[in-house]
Amino acid sequence: LQAMMSADLPDPGLAVVAEQTGGGYTEIRYGEDLGAAFAKVADELHSQYLIGYAPPKRDGKVHAIDVRVSQHGMKPRARKNYVAPKEQQ
C-alpha cells in the first residue's frame, strides 16, 4: 500500500531536471482534465525554436549558457550549461 501511495505522488526531482536541461514539466493531478495538459504541450511544440551552437574552443570545460529574447511575452527555455568536449589529439 505504501508503494502504491508513493507512486501516486509526483517526483519533485523531475521538475528540477526539466529546468536544468531546458525541458518542460507539467504535473497532472488525479482527476484533472488531461485535455488541458495536452493542449499546453501541443501549444509549446508549435511555438518552439531549436538553436544550434558550435563552441569555438573545445577545452573539456563546463560553460554557462544564457539565452535571452527581445520579444515581449516570450520565455526562453534552455539548458543552463554545456561541456565542450576536448578535441582528439
Foldseek 3Di string as FASTA:
>chain_A
DVVVVVVLDDDVVVCVVCQQALHDDDDDHPPDDVVVVVVVVVVDVVPDDDDDDQDPAQDQDKDADDDDDDDPPDDGGHHGIDTRHHDDD
